[in-house]
Amino acid sequence: MRNSTIDVRQVSMNVGAEIHGIDLRQPMDEQTTREVRTALTENGVIFFRDQDITPDQQLAFATKFGVPDIDPTASLGQVPGHPQICEVRKEPEETRNIGGNWHSDHSFDKCGPLGSVLLARE
């Protein structure tokens, strides 16, 4: 699917799309924000590949869609100076994923979040 500012490509028949034509290091204008939100709504999960962003840039992106939540009960590490970002780390010798089985972040909240903004690094 081609939008006016971004290129949305479905990754499966049921869920997920990659978004191309955007550099998350740069501020998003309102048109692009609307198109990204539409892609999320239509596809359930969206991916931005090869984005080398800082914690500040990750938060700038996240705040385009709402106020990031700070979880006071989180047992995960936090990124210094960024209490809204939890670090989930798995070292090569670790064999179990964090969270164990399937889970949903903040499913206990009265009003659940729109989503999570995850940054994967290897």
PDB file of N, CA and C in Angstrom:
ATOM      1  N   MET A   1       0.849  -1.186   0.000  1.00  0.00           N
ATOM      2  CA  MET A   1       0.000   0.000   0.000  1.00  0.00           C
ATOM      3  C   MET A   1       0.887   1.239   0.000  1.00  0.00           C
ATOM      4  N   ARG A   2       0.559   2.193  -0.774  1.00  0.00           N
ATOM      5  CA  ARG A   2       1.355   3.414  -0.880  1.00  0.00           C
ATOM      6  C   ARG A   2       0.552   4.584  -0.348  1.00  0.00           C
ATOM      7  N   ASN A   3       1.086   5.262   0.637  1.00  0.00           N
ATOM      8  CA  ASN A   3       0.477   6.476   1.169  1.00  0.00           C
ATOM      9  C   ASN A   3       1.265   7.673   0.658  1.00  0.00           C
ATOM     10  N   SER A   4       0.813   8.854   0.984  1.00  0.00           N
ATOM     11  CA  SER A   4       1.466  10.037   0.443  1.00  0.00           C
ATOM     12  C   SER A   4       2.847  10.297   1.042  1.00  0.00           C
ATOM     13  N   THR A   5       3.090   9.857   2.292  1.00  0.00           N
ATOM     14  CA  THR A   5       4.402  10.137   2.880  1.00  0.00           C
ATOM     15  C   THR A   5       5.154   8.887   3.300  1.00  0.00           C
ATOM     16  N   ILE A   6       4.481   7.746   3.433  1.00  0.00           N
ATOM     17  CA  ILE A   6       5.146   6.515   3.857  1.00  0.00           C
ATOM     18  C   ILE A   6       4.728   5.367   2.942  1.00  0.00           C
ATOM     19  N   ASP A   7       5.516   4.312   2.963  1.00  0.00           N
ATOM     20  CA  ASP A   7       5.248   3.105   2.187  1.00  0.00           C
ATOM     21  C   ASP A   7       4.949   1.989   3.180  1.00  0.00           C
ATOM     22  N   VAL A   8       3.715   1.472   3.180  1.00  0.00           N
ATOM     23  CA  VAL A   8       3.284   0.425   4.106  1.00  0.00           C
ATOM     24  C   VAL A   8       3.210  -0.886   3.339  1.00  0.00           C
ATOM     25  N   ARG A   9       3.945  -1.898   3.831  1.00  0.00           N
ATOM     26  CA  ARG A   9       3.974  -3.209   3.171  1.00  0.00           C
ATOM     27  C   ARG A   9       3.568  -4.289   4.170  1.00  0.00           C
ATOM     28  N   GLN A  10       2.452  -4.958   3.903  1.00  0.00           N
ATOM     29  CA  GLN A  10       2.003  -6.031   4.782  1.00  0.00           C
ATOM     30  C   GLN A  10       3.040  -7.145   4.810  1.00  0.00           C
ATOM     31  N   VAL A  11       3.214  -7.756   5.990  1.00  0.00           N
ATOM     32  CA  VAL A  11       4.162  -8.864   6.119  1.00  0.00           C
ATOM     33  C   VAL A  11       3.456 -10.216   6.183  1.00  0.00           C
ATOM     34  N   SER A  12       2.144 -10.218   6.381  1.00  0.00           N
ATOM     35  CA  SER A  12       1.368 -11.456   6.353  1.00  0.00           C
ATOM     36  C   SER A  12      -0.079 -11.119   6.012  1.00  0.00           C
ATOM     37  N   MET A  13      -0.873 -12.141   5.786  1.00  0.00           N
ATOM     38  CA  MET A  13      -2.288 -11.933   5.453  1.00  0.00           C
ATOM     39  C   MET A  13      -3.096 -11.446   6.652  1.00  0.00           C
ATOM     40  N   ASN A  14      -2.630 -11.746   7.870  1.00  0.00           N
ATOM     41  CA  ASN A  14      -3.445 -11.483   9.052  1.00  0.00           C
ATOM     42  C   ASN A  14      -3.007 -10.308   9.911  1.00  0.00           C
ATOM     43  N   VAL A  15      -1.721 -10.149  10.098  1.00  0.00           N
ATOM     44  CA  VAL A  15      -1.266  -9.092  10.999  1.00  0.00           C
ATOM     45  C   VAL A  15       0.152  -8.674  10.628  1.00  0.00           C
ATOM     46  N   GLY A  16       0.423  -7.396  10.811  1.00  0.00           N
ATOM     47  CA  GLY A  16       1.773  -6.887  10.661  1.00  0.00           C
ATOM     48  C   GLY A  16       2.065  -6.209   9.337  1.00  0.00           C
ATOM     49  N   ALA A  17       2.807  -5.103   9.421  1.00  0.00           N
ATOM     50  CA  ALA A  17       3.256  -4.389   8.228  1.00  0.00           C
ATOM     51  C   ALA A  17       4.576  -3.689   8.540  1.00  0.00           C
ATOM     52  N   GLU A  18       5.412  -3.609   7.523  1.00  0.00           N
ATOM     53  CA  GLU A  18       6.632  -2.811   7.612  1.00  0.00           C
ATOM     54  C   GLU A  18       6.333  -1.432   7.043  1.00  0.00           C
ATOM     55  N   ILE A  19       6.914  -0.439   7.660  1.00  0.00           N
ATOM     56  CA  ILE A  19       6.774   0.924   7.155  1.00  0.00           C
ATOM     57  C   ILE A  19       8.142   1.391   6.677  1.00  0.00           C
ATOM     58  N   HIS A  20       8.171   1.829   5.422  1.00  0.00           N
ATOM     59  CA  HIS A  20       9.398   2.341   4.803  1.00  0.00           C
ATOM     60  C   HIS A  20       9.176   3.806   4.452  1.00  0.00           C
ATOM     61  N   GLY A  21      10.282   4.506   4.252  1.00  0.00           N
ATOM     62  CA  GLY A  21      10.188   5.905   3.834  1.00  0.00           C
ATOM     63  C   GLY A  21      10.086   6.870   4.988  1.00  0.00           C
ATOM     64  N   ILE A  22      10.558   6.432   6.152  1.00  0.00           N
ATOM     65  CA  ILE A  22      10.521   7.307   7.327  1.00  0.00           C
ATOM     66  C   ILE A  22      11.824   7.123   8.108  1.00  0.00           C
ATOM     67  N   ASP A  23      12.341   8.208   8.614  1.00  0.00           N
ATOM     68  CA  ASP A  23      13.539   8.201   9.451  1.00  0.00           C
ATOM     69  C   ASP A  23      13.098   8.645  10.842  1.00  0.00           C
ATOM     70  N   LEU A  24      13.063   7.699  11.774  1.00  0.00           N
ATOM     71  CA  LEU A  24      12.569   8.006  13.122  1.00  0.00           C
ATOM     72  C   LEU A  24      13.510   8.903  13.923  1.00  0.00           C
ATOM     73  N   ARG A  25      14.667   9.219  13.361  1.00  0.00           N
ATOM     74  CA  ARG A  25      15.540  10.193  14.027  1.00  0.00           C
ATOM     75  C   ARG A  25      15.025  11.610  13.838  1.00  0.00           C
ATOM     76  N   GLN A  26      14.151  11.781  12.845  1.00  0.00           N
ATOM     77  CA  GLN A  26      13.601  13.102  12.519  1.00  0.00           C
ATOM     78  C   GLN A  26      12.192  13.240  13.101  1.00  0.00           C
ATOM     79  N   PRO A  27      11.795  14.448  13.498  1.00  0.00           N
ATOM     80  CA  PRO A  27      10.426  14.652  13.988  1.00  0.00           C
ATOM     81  C   PRO A  27       9.403  14.320  12.898  1.00  0.00           C
ATOM     82  N   MET A  28       8.294  13.720  13.301  1.00  0.00           N
ATOM     83  CA  MET A  28       7.226  13.394  12.343  1.00  0.00           C
ATOM     84  C   MET A  28       6.224  14.528  12.276  1.00  0.00           C
ATOM     85  N   ASP A  29       5.820  14.874  11.064  1.00  0.00           N
ATOM     86  CA  ASP A  29       4.762  15.867  10.918  1.00  0.00           C
ATOM     87  C   ASP A  29       3.407  15.188  11.164  1.00  0.00           C
ATOM     88  N   GLU A  30       2.351  15.980  11.219  1.00  0.00           N
ATOM     89  CA  GLU A  30       1.027  15.450  11.558  1.00  0.00           C
ATOM     90  C   GLU A  30       0.490  14.489  10.499  1.00  0.00           C
ATOM     91  N   GLN A  31       0.749  14.765   9.233  1.00  0.00           N
ATOM     92  CA  GLN A  31       0.302  13.872   8.156  1.00  0.00           C
ATOM     93  C   GLN A  31       0.932  12.491   8.305  1.00  0.00           C
ATOM     94  N   THR A  32       2.237  12.458   8.525  1.00  0.00           N
ATOM     95  CA  THR A  32       2.933  11.181   8.693  1.00  0.00           C
ATOM     96  C   THR A  32       2.437  10.465   9.934  1.00  0.00           C
ATOM     97  N   THR A  33       2.232  11.207  11.017  1.00  0.00           N
ATOM     98  CA  THR A  33       1.712  10.607  12.248  1.00  0.00           C
ATOM     99  C   THR A  33       0.361   9.952  11.997  1.00  0.00           C
ATOM    100  N   ARG A  34      -0.528  10.620  11.282  1.00  0.00           N
ATOM    101  CA  ARG A  34      -1.846  10.038  10.956  1.00  0.00           C
ATOM    102  C   ARG A  34      -1.693   8.760  10.134  1.00  0.00           C
ATOM    103  N   GLU A  35      -0.784   8.778   9.173  1.00  0.00           N
ATOM    104  CA  GLU A  35      -0.598   7.604   8.317  1.00  0.00           C
ATOM    105  C   GLU A  35      -0.004   6.431   9.094  1.00  0.00           C
ATOM    106  N   VAL A  36       0.918   6.706   9.991  1.00  0.00           N
ATOM    107  CA  VAL A  36       1.495   5.646  10.820  1.00  0.00           C
ATOM    108  C   VAL A  36       0.410   5.062  11.734  1.00  0.00           C
ATOM    109  N   ARG A  37      -0.393   5.924  12.336  1.00  0.00           N
ATOM    110  CA  ARG A  37      -1.475   5.445  13.210  1.00  0.00           C
ATOM    111  C   ARG A  37      -2.492   4.612  12.416  1.00  0.00           C
ATOM    112  N   THR A  38      -2.814   5.025  11.214  1.00  0.00           N
ATOM    113  CA  THR A  38      -3.714   4.251  10.366  1.00  0.00           C
ATOM    114  C   THR A  38      -3.108   2.886  10.050  1.00  0.00           C
ATOM    115  N   ALA A  39      -1.815   2.857   9.741  1.00  0.00           N
ATOM    116  CA  ALA A  39      -1.142   1.588   9.460  1.00  0.00           C
ATOM    117  C   ALA A  39      -1.190   0.674  10.683  1.00  0.00           C
ATOM    118  N   LEU A  40      -1.018   1.232  11.875  1.00  0.00           N
ATOM    119  CA  LEU A  40      -1.109   0.439  13.103  1.00  0.00           C
ATOM    120  C   LEU A  40      -2.523  -0.106  13.282  1.00  0.00           C
ATOM    121  N   THR A  41      -3.511   0.744  13.097  1.00  0.00           N
ATOM    122  CA  THR A  41      -4.906   0.328  13.249  1.00  0.00           C
ATOM    123  C   THR A  41      -5.262  -0.773  12.256  1.00  0.00           C
ATOM    124  N   GLU A  42      -4.827  -0.631  11.028  1.00  0.00           N
ATOM    125  CA  GLU A  42      -5.176  -1.592   9.979  1.00  0.00           C
ATOM    126  C   GLU A  42      -4.396  -2.901  10.070  1.00  0.00           C
ATOM    127  N   ASN A  43      -3.189  -2.870  10.669  1.00  0.00           N
ATOM    128  CA  ASN A  43      -2.317  -4.046  10.644  1.00  0.00           C
ATOM    129  C   ASN A  43      -2.013  -4.643  12.009  1.00  0.00           C
ATOM    130  N   GLY A  44      -2.372  -3.960  13.086  1.00  0.00           N
ATOM    131  CA  GLY A  44      -2.168  -4.501  14.433  1.00  0.00           C
ATOM    132  C   GLY A  44      -0.762  -4.349  14.975  1.00  0.00           C
ATOM    133  N   VAL A  45       0.234  -4.532  14.135  1.00  0.00           N
ATOM    134  CA  VAL A  45       1.644  -4.400  14.506  1.00  0.00           C
ATOM    135  C   VAL A  45       2.348  -3.747  13.331  1.00  0.00           C
ATOM    136  N   ILE A  46       3.239  -2.808  13.627  1.00  0.00           N
ATOM    137  CA  ILE A  46       4.020  -2.186  12.557  1.00  0.00           C
ATOM    138  C   ILE A  46       5.498  -2.256  12.916  1.00  0.00           C
ATOM    139  N   PHE A  47       6.317  -2.351  11.884  1.00  0.00           N
ATOM    140  CA  PHE A  47       7.759  -2.476  12.043  1.00  0.00           C
ATOM    141  C   PHE A  47       8.467  -1.389  11.254  1.00  0.00           C
ATOM    142  N   PHE A  48       9.512  -0.845  11.838  1.00  0.00           N
ATOM    143  CA  PHE A  48      10.389   0.112  11.173  1.00  0.00           C
ATOM    144  C   PHE A  48      11.780  -0.512  11.212  1.00  0.00           C
ATOM    145  N   ARG A  49      12.268  -0.970  10.100  1.00  0.00           N
ATOM    146  CA  ARG A  49      13.572  -1.645  10.078  1.00  0.00           C
ATOM    147  C   ARG A  49      14.716  -0.630   9.967  1.00  0.00           C
ATOM    148  N   ASP A  50      15.869  -1.064  10.511  1.00  0.00           N
ATOM    149  CA  ASP A  50      17.125  -0.322  10.366  1.00  0.00           C
ATOM    150  C   ASP A  50      17.023   1.119  10.856  1.00  0.00           C
ATOM    151  N   GLN A  51      16.420   1.291  12.023  1.00  0.00           N
ATOM    152  CA  GLN A  51      16.321   2.620  12.636  1.00  0.00           C
ATOM    153  C   GLN A  51      17.328   2.686  13.791  1.00  0.00           C
ATOM    154  N   ASP A  52      18.280   3.558  13.719  1.00  0.00           N
ATOM    155  CA  ASP A  52      19.295   3.731  14.760  1.00  0.00           C
ATOM    156  C   ASP A  52      18.912   4.971  15.560  1.00  0.00           C
ATOM    157  N   ILE A  53      18.031   4.781  16.536  1.00  0.00           N
ATOM    158  CA  ILE A  53      17.499   5.927  17.278  1.00  0.00           C
ATOM    159  C   ILE A  53      17.990   5.932  18.723  1.00  0.00           C
ATOM    160  N   THR A  54      17.999   7.110  19.288  1.00  0.00           N
ATOM    161  CA  THR A  54      18.382   7.306  20.680  1.00  0.00           C
ATOM    162  C   THR A  54      17.134   7.154  21.570  1.00  0.00           C
ATOM    163  N   PRO A  55      17.318   7.032  22.881  1.00  0.00           N
ATOM    164  CA  PRO A  55      16.152   7.016  23.770  1.00  0.00           C
ATOM    165  C   PRO A  55      15.279   8.265  23.619  1.00  0.00           C
ATOM    166  N   ASP A  56      15.877   9.426  23.436  1.00  0.00           N
ATOM    167  CA  ASP A  56      15.093  10.652  23.238  1.00  0.00           C
ATOM    168  C   ASP A  56      14.252  10.572  21.971  1.00  0.00           C
ATOM    169  N   GLN A  57      14.818  10.023  20.904  1.00  0.00           N
ATOM    170  CA  GLN A  57      14.078   9.891  19.654  1.00  0.00           C
ATOM    171  C   GLN A  57      12.974   8.842  19.774  1.00  0.00           C
ATOM    172  N   GLN A  58      13.217   7.781  20.527  1.00  0.00           N
ATOM    173  CA  GLN A  58      12.182   6.776  20.768  1.00  0.00           C
ATOM    174  C   GLN A  58      11.002   7.408  21.509  1.00  0.00           C
ATOM    175  N   LEU A  59      11.294   8.200  22.521  1.00  0.00           N
ATOM    176  CA  LEU A  59      10.221   8.874  23.272  1.00  0.00           C
ATOM    177  C   LEU A  59       9.504   9.914  22.414  1.00  0.00           C
ATOM    178  N   ALA A  60      10.234  10.619  21.575  1.00  0.00           N
ATOM    179  CA  ALA A  60       9.592  11.600  20.693  1.00  0.00           C
ATOM    180  C   ALA A  60       8.600  10.900  19.774  1.00  0.00           C
ATOM    181  N   PHE A  61       8.969   9.741  19.259  1.00  0.00           N
ATOM    182  CA  PHE A  61       8.057   8.968  18.421  1.00  0.00           C
ATOM    183  C   PHE A  61       6.849   8.511  19.239  1.00  0.00           C
ATOM    184  N   ALA A  62       7.094   7.935  20.405  1.00  0.00           N
ATOM    185  CA  ALA A  62       6.008   7.406  21.241  1.00  0.00           C
ATOM    186  C   ALA A  62       5.014   8.492  21.637  1.00  0.00           C
ATOM    187  N   THR A  63       5.509   9.684  21.948  1.00  0.00           N
ATOM    188  CA  THR A  63       4.611  10.746  22.413  1.00  0.00           C
ATOM    189  C   THR A  63       3.711  11.281  21.301  1.00  0.00           C
ATOM    190  N   LYS A  64       3.986  10.931  20.057  1.00  0.00           N
ATOM    191  CA  LYS A  64       3.079  11.299  18.972  1.00  0.00           C
ATOM    192  C   LYS A  64       1.741  10.556  19.102  1.00  0.00           C
ATOM    193  N   PHE A  65       1.725   9.486  19.894  1.00  0.00           N
ATOM    194  CA  PHE A  65       0.537   8.635  20.006  1.00  0.00           C
ATOM    195  C   PHE A  65      -0.070   8.632  21.408  1.00  0.00           C
ATOM    196  N   GLY A  66       0.509   9.402  22.320  1.00  0.00           N
ATOM    197  CA  GLY A  66      -0.017   9.488  23.681  1.00  0.00           C
ATOM    198  C   GLY A  66       1.098   9.732  24.668  1.00  0.00           C
ATOM    199  N   VAL A  67       0.737   9.761  25.933  1.00  0.00           N
ATOM    200  CA  VAL A  67       1.711   9.983  27.005  1.00  0.00           C
ATOM    201  C   VAL A  67       2.283   8.636  27.434  1.00  0.00           C
ATOM    202  N   PRO A  68       3.597   8.444  27.312  1.00  0.00           N
ATOM    203  CA  PRO A  68       4.187   7.176  27.756  1.00  0.00           C
ATOM    204  C   PRO A  68       3.945   6.944  29.243  1.00  0.00           C
ATOM    205  N   ASP A  69       3.661   5.703  29.574  1.00  0.00           N
ATOM    206  CA  ASP A  69       3.367   5.307  30.943  1.00  0.00           C
ATOM    207  C   ASP A  69       4.655   4.971  31.670  1.00  0.00           C
ATOM    208  N   ILE A  70       4.735   5.364  32.928  1.00  0.00           N
ATOM    209  CA  ILE A  70       5.839   4.942  33.782  1.00  0.00           C
ATOM    210  C   ILE A  70       5.268   3.908  34.731  1.00  0.00           C
ATOM    211  N   ASP A  71       5.778   2.689  34.671  1.00  0.00           N
ATOM    212  CA  ASP A  71       5.277   1.589  35.486  1.00  0.00           C
ATOM    213  C   ASP A  71       6.080   1.516  36.780  1.00  0.00           C
ATOM    214  N   PRO A  72       5.492   1.940  37.903  1.00  0.00           N
ATOM    215  CA  PRO A  72       6.236   1.934  39.162  1.00  0.00           C
ATOM    216  C   PRO A  72       6.490   0.527  39.684  1.00  0.00           C
ATOM    217  N   THR A  73       5.812  -0.469  39.143  1.00  0.00           N
ATOM    218  CA  THR A  73       6.007  -1.851  39.606  1.00  0.00           C
ATOM    219  C   THR A  73       6.993  -2.611  38.740  1.00  0.00           C
ATOM    220  N   ALA A  74       7.495  -1.995  37.695  1.00  0.00           N
ATOM    221  CA  ALA A  74       8.373  -2.702  36.758  1.00  0.00           C
ATOM    222  C   ALA A  74       9.657  -3.154  37.448  1.00  0.00           C
ATOM    223  N   SER A  75       9.988  -4.413  37.248  1.00  0.00           N
ATOM    224  CA  SER A  75      11.220  -4.956  37.811  1.00  0.00           C
ATOM    225  C   SER A  75      12.346  -4.953  36.782  1.00  0.00           C
ATOM    226  N   LEU A  76      12.056  -4.442  35.610  1.00  0.00           N
ATOM    227  CA  LEU A  76      13.059  -4.384  34.556  1.00  0.00           C
ATOM    228  C   LEU A  76      13.964  -3.176  34.754  1.00  0.00           C
ATOM    229  N   GLY A  77      15.114  -3.213  34.136  1.00  0.00           N
ATOM    230  CA  GLY A  77      16.019  -2.077  34.210  1.00  0.00           C
ATOM    231  C   GLY A  77      15.461  -0.900  33.440  1.00  0.00           C
ATOM    232  N   GLN A  78      15.868   0.282  33.842  1.00  0.00           N
ATOM    233  CA  GLN A  78      15.446   1.481  33.126  1.00  0.00           C
ATOM    234  C   GLN A  78      16.653   2.098  32.446  1.00  0.00           C
ATOM    235  N   VAL A  79      16.397   2.772  31.358  1.00  0.00           N
ATOM    236  CA  VAL A  79      17.443   3.488  30.648  1.00  0.00           C
ATOM    237  C   VAL A  79      17.733   4.752  31.457  1.00  0.00           C
ATOM    238  N   PRO A  80      18.986   4.978  31.849  1.00  0.00           N
ATOM    239  CA  PRO A  80      19.310   6.147  32.664  1.00  0.00           C
ATOM    240  C   PRO A  80      18.771   7.445  32.055  1.00  0.00           C
ATOM    241  N   GLY A  81      18.062   8.223  32.884  1.00  0.00           N
ATOM    242  CA  GLY A  81      17.498   9.495  32.457  1.00  0.00           C
ATOM    243  C   GLY A  81      16.197   9.368  31.693  1.00  0.00           C
ATOM    244  N   HIS A  82      15.705   8.147  31.531  1.00  0.00           N
ATOM    245  CA  HIS A  82      14.484   7.902  30.764  1.00  0.00           C
ATOM    246  C   HIS A  82      13.598   6.897  31.506  1.00  0.00           C
ATOM    247  N   PRO A  83      12.912   7.311  32.563  1.00  0.00           N
ATOM    248  CA  PRO A  83      12.114   6.370  33.360  1.00  0.00           C
ATOM    249  C   PRO A  83      10.946   5.747  32.593  1.00  0.00           C
ATOM    250  N   GLN A  84      10.599   6.298  31.429  1.00  0.00           N
ATOM    251  CA  GLN A  84       9.516   5.744  30.616  1.00  0.00           C
ATOM    252  C   GLN A  84       9.972   4.528  29.805  1.00  0.00           C
ATOM    253  N   ILE A  85      11.277   4.291  29.738  1.00  0.00           N
ATOM    254  CA  ILE A  85      11.805   3.199  28.919  1.00  0.00           C
ATOM    255  C   ILE A  85      12.364   2.109  29.828  1.00  0.00           C
ATOM    256  N   CYS A  86      11.812   0.916  29.691  1.00  0.00           N
ATOM    257  CA  CYS A  86      12.325  -0.250  30.413  1.00  0.00           C
ATOM    258  C   CYS A  86      13.247  -1.028  29.484  1.00  0.00           C
ATOM    259  N   GLU A  87      14.353  -1.470  30.031  1.00  0.00           N
ATOM    260  CA  GLU A  87      15.278  -2.267  29.229  1.00  0.00           C
ATOM    261  C   GLU A  87      15.003  -3.744  29.474  1.00  0.00           C
ATOM    262  N   VAL A  88      14.739  -4.459  28.413  1.00  0.00           N
ATOM    263  CA  VAL A  88      14.560  -5.909  28.463  1.00  0.00           C
ATOM    264  C   VAL A  88      15.782  -6.503  27.789  1.00  0.00           C
ATOM    265  N   ARG A  89      16.601  -7.188  28.565  1.00  0.00           N
ATOM    266  CA  ARG A  89      17.875  -7.694  28.045  1.00  0.00           C
ATOM    267  C   ARG A  89      17.924  -9.209  28.223  1.00  0.00           C
ATOM    268  N   LYS A  90      18.393  -9.875  27.193  1.00  0.00           N
ATOM    269  CA  LYS A  90      18.616 -11.318  27.265  1.00  0.00           C
ATOM    270  C   LYS A  90      20.032 -11.591  26.788  1.00  0.00           C
ATOM    271  N   GLU A  91      20.832 -12.123  27.677  1.00  0.00           N
ATOM    272  CA  GLU A  91      22.223 -12.430  27.358  1.00  0.00           C
ATOM    273  C   GLU A  91      22.297 -13.763  26.613  1.00  0.00           C
ATOM    274  N   PRO A  92      23.363 -13.994  25.843  1.00  0.00           N
ATOM    275  CA  PRO A  92      23.464 -15.217  25.036  1.00  0.00           C
ATOM    276  C   PRO A  92      23.307 -16.514  25.835  1.00  0.00           C
ATOM    277  N   GLU A  93      23.751 -16.539  27.076  1.00  0.00           N
ATOM    278  CA  GLU A  93      23.672 -17.764  27.877  1.00  0.00           C
ATOM    279  C   GLU A  93      22.278 -18.007  28.472  1.00  0.00           C
ATOM    280  N   GLU A  94      21.402 -17.022  28.404  1.00  0.00           N
ATOM    281  CA  GLU A  94      20.049 -17.166  28.936  1.00  0.00           C
ATOM    282  C   GLU A  94      19.180 -17.935  27.947  1.00  0.00           C
ATOM    283  N   THR A  95      18.421 -18.893  28.471  1.00  0.00           N
ATOM    284  CA  THR A  95      17.602 -19.732  27.598  1.00  0.00           C
ATOM    285  C   THR A  95      16.112 -19.458  27.725  1.00  0.00           C
ATOM    286  N   ARG A  96      15.691 -18.727  28.730  1.00  0.00           N
ATOM    287  CA  ARG A  96      14.266 -18.448  28.922  1.00  0.00           C
ATOM    288  C   ARG A  96      13.997 -16.977  28.603  1.00  0.00           C
ATOM    289  N   ASN A  97      12.895 -16.735  27.917  1.00  0.00           N
ATOM    290  CA  ASN A  97      12.569 -15.347  27.597  1.00  0.00           C
ATOM    291  C   ASN A  97      11.940 -14.654  28.799  1.00  0.00           C
ATOM    292  N   ILE A  98      12.079 -13.351  28.856  1.00  0.00           N
ATOM    293  CA  ILE A  98      11.486 -12.561  29.928  1.00  0.00           C
ATOM    294  C   ILE A  98       9.978 -12.610  29.774  1.00  0.00           C
ATOM    295  N   GLY A  99       9.280 -12.873  30.859  1.00  0.00           N
ATOM    296  CA  GLY A  99       7.830 -12.984  30.818  1.00  0.00           C
ATOM    297  C   GLY A  99       7.373 -14.425  30.723  1.00  0.00           C
ATOM    298  N   GLY A 100       8.325 -15.353  30.461  1.00  0.00           N
ATOM    299  CA  GLY A 100       7.969 -16.769  30.403  1.00  0.00           C
ATOM    300  C   GLY A 100       7.079 -17.075  29.227  1.00  0.00           C
ATOM    301  N   ASN A 101       5.843 -17.345  29.510  1.00  0.00           N
ATOM    302  CA  ASN A 101       4.874 -17.634  28.459  1.00  0.00           C
ATOM    303  C   ASN A 101       4.331 -16.326  27.904  1.00  0.00           C
ATOM    304  N   TRP A 102       3.340 -16.421  27.050  1.00  0.00           N
ATOM    305  CA  TRP A 102       2.714 -15.242  26.477  1.00  0.00           C
ATOM    306  C   TRP A 102       2.165 -14.351  27.593  1.00  0.00           C
ATOM    307  N   HIS A 103       2.250 -13.053  27.398  1.00  0.00           N
ATOM    308  CA  HIS A 103       1.656 -12.102  28.343  1.00  0.00           C
ATOM    309  C   HIS A 103       1.299 -10.820  27.591  1.00  0.00           C
ATOM    310  N   SER A 104       0.552  -9.988  28.253  1.00  0.00           N
ATOM    311  CA  SER A 104       0.179  -8.705  27.680  1.00  0.00           C
ATOM    312  C   SER A 104       0.505  -7.619  28.696  1.00  0.00           C
ATOM    313  N   ASP A 105       1.334  -6.675  28.293  1.00  0.00           N
ATOM    314  CA  ASP A 105       1.697  -5.588  29.203  1.00  0.00           C
ATOM    315  C   ASP A 105       0.473  -4.766  29.570  1.00  0.00           C
ATOM    316  N   HIS A 106       0.325  -4.509  30.845  1.00  0.00           N
ATOM    317  CA  HIS A 106      -0.713  -3.630  31.389  1.00  0.00           C
ATOM    318  C   HIS A 106      -2.137  -4.089  31.106  1.00  0.00           C
ATOM    319  N   SER A 107      -2.352  -5.383  30.970  1.00  0.00           N
ATOM    320  CA  SER A 107      -3.706  -5.882  30.746  1.00  0.00           C
ATOM    321  C   SER A 107      -4.596  -5.652  31.968  1.00  0.00           C
ATOM    322  N   PHE A 108      -3.987  -5.342  33.101  1.00  0.00           N
ATOM    323  CA  PHE A 108      -4.732  -5.102  34.337  1.00  0.00           C
ATOM    324  C   PHE A 108      -5.189  -3.650  34.473  1.00  0.00           C
ATOM    325  N   ASP A 109      -4.722  -2.770  33.623  1.00  0.00           N
ATOM    326  CA  ASP A 109      -5.099  -1.363  33.708  1.00  0.00           C
ATOM    327  C   ASP A 109      -6.572  -1.172  33.353  1.00  0.00           C
ATOM    328  N   LYS A 110      -7.204  -0.202  33.975  1.00  0.00           N
ATOM    329  CA  LYS A 110      -8.602   0.108  33.667  1.00  0.00           C
ATOM    330  C   LYS A 110      -8.751   0.471  32.193  1.00  0.00           C
ATOM    331  N   CYS A 111      -7.838   1.262  31.698  1.00  0.00           N
ATOM    332  CA  CYS A 111      -7.814   1.626  30.274  1.00  0.00           C
ATOM    333  C   CYS A 111      -6.429   1.246  29.752  1.00  0.00           C
ATOM    334  N   GLY A 112      -6.382   0.200  28.945  1.00  0.00           N
ATOM    335  CA  GLY A 112      -5.101  -0.292  28.448  1.00  0.00           C
ATOM    336  C   GLY A 112      -4.427   0.668  27.492  1.00  0.00           C
ATOM    337  N   PRO A 113      -3.147   0.487  27.281  1.00  0.00           N
ATOM    338  CA  PRO A 113      -2.408   1.372  26.378  1.00  0.00           C
ATOM    339  C   PRO A 113      -2.726   1.090  24.919  1.00  0.00           C
ATOM    340  N   LEU A 114      -2.446   2.055  24.074  1.00  0.00           N
ATOM    341  CA  LEU A 114      -2.588   1.873  22.634  1.00  0.00           C
ATOM    342  C   LEU A 114      -1.626   0.785  22.165  1.00  0.00           C
ATOM    343  N   GLY A 115      -0.454   0.740  22.763  1.00  0.00           N
ATOM    344  CA  GLY A 115       0.537  -0.248  22.355  1.00  0.00           C
ATOM    345  C   GLY A 115       1.857  -0.038  23.062  1.00  0.00           C
ATOM    346  N   SER A 116       2.863  -0.709  22.592  1.00  0.00           N
ATOM    347  CA  SER A 116       4.227  -0.578  23.102  1.00  0.00           C
ATOM    348  C   SER A 116       5.135  -0.204  21.955  1.00  0.00           C
ATOM    349  N   VAL A 117       6.139   0.578  22.266  1.00  0.00           N
ATOM    350  CA  VAL A 117       7.150   0.945  21.279  1.00  0.00           C
ATOM    351  C   VAL A 117       8.424   0.201  21.676  1.00  0.00           C
ATOM    352  N   LEU A 118       8.756  -0.813  20.907  1.00  0.00           N
ATOM    353  CA  LEU A 118       9.898  -1.658  21.219  1.00  0.00           C
ATOM    354  C   LEU A 118      11.043  -1.360  20.262  1.00  0.00           C
ATOM    355  N   LEU A 119      12.244  -1.357  20.788  1.00  0.00           N
ATOM    356  CA  LEU A 119      13.450  -1.177  19.976  1.00  0.00           C
ATOM    357  C   LEU A 119      14.307  -2.412  20.205  1.00  0.00           C
ATOM    358  N   ALA A 120      14.506  -3.217  19.173  1.00  0.00           N
ATOM    359  CA  ALA A 120      15.300  -4.446  19.293  1.00  0.00           C
ATOM    360  C   ALA A 120      16.715  -4.193  18.802  1.00  0.00           C
ATOM    361  N   ARG A 121      17.653  -4.670  19.583  1.00  0.00           N
ATOM    362  CA  ARG A 121      19.066  -4.572  19.217  1.00  0.00           C
ATOM    363  C   ARG A 121      19.732  -5.910  19.483  1.00  0.00           C
ATOM    364  N   GLU A 122      20.706  -6.245  18.654  1.00  0.00           N
ATOM    365  CA  GLU A 122      21.451  -7.477  18.860  1.00  0.00           C
ATOM    366  C   GLU A 122      22.910  -7.135  19.000  1.00  0.00           C
TER     367      GLU A 122
END
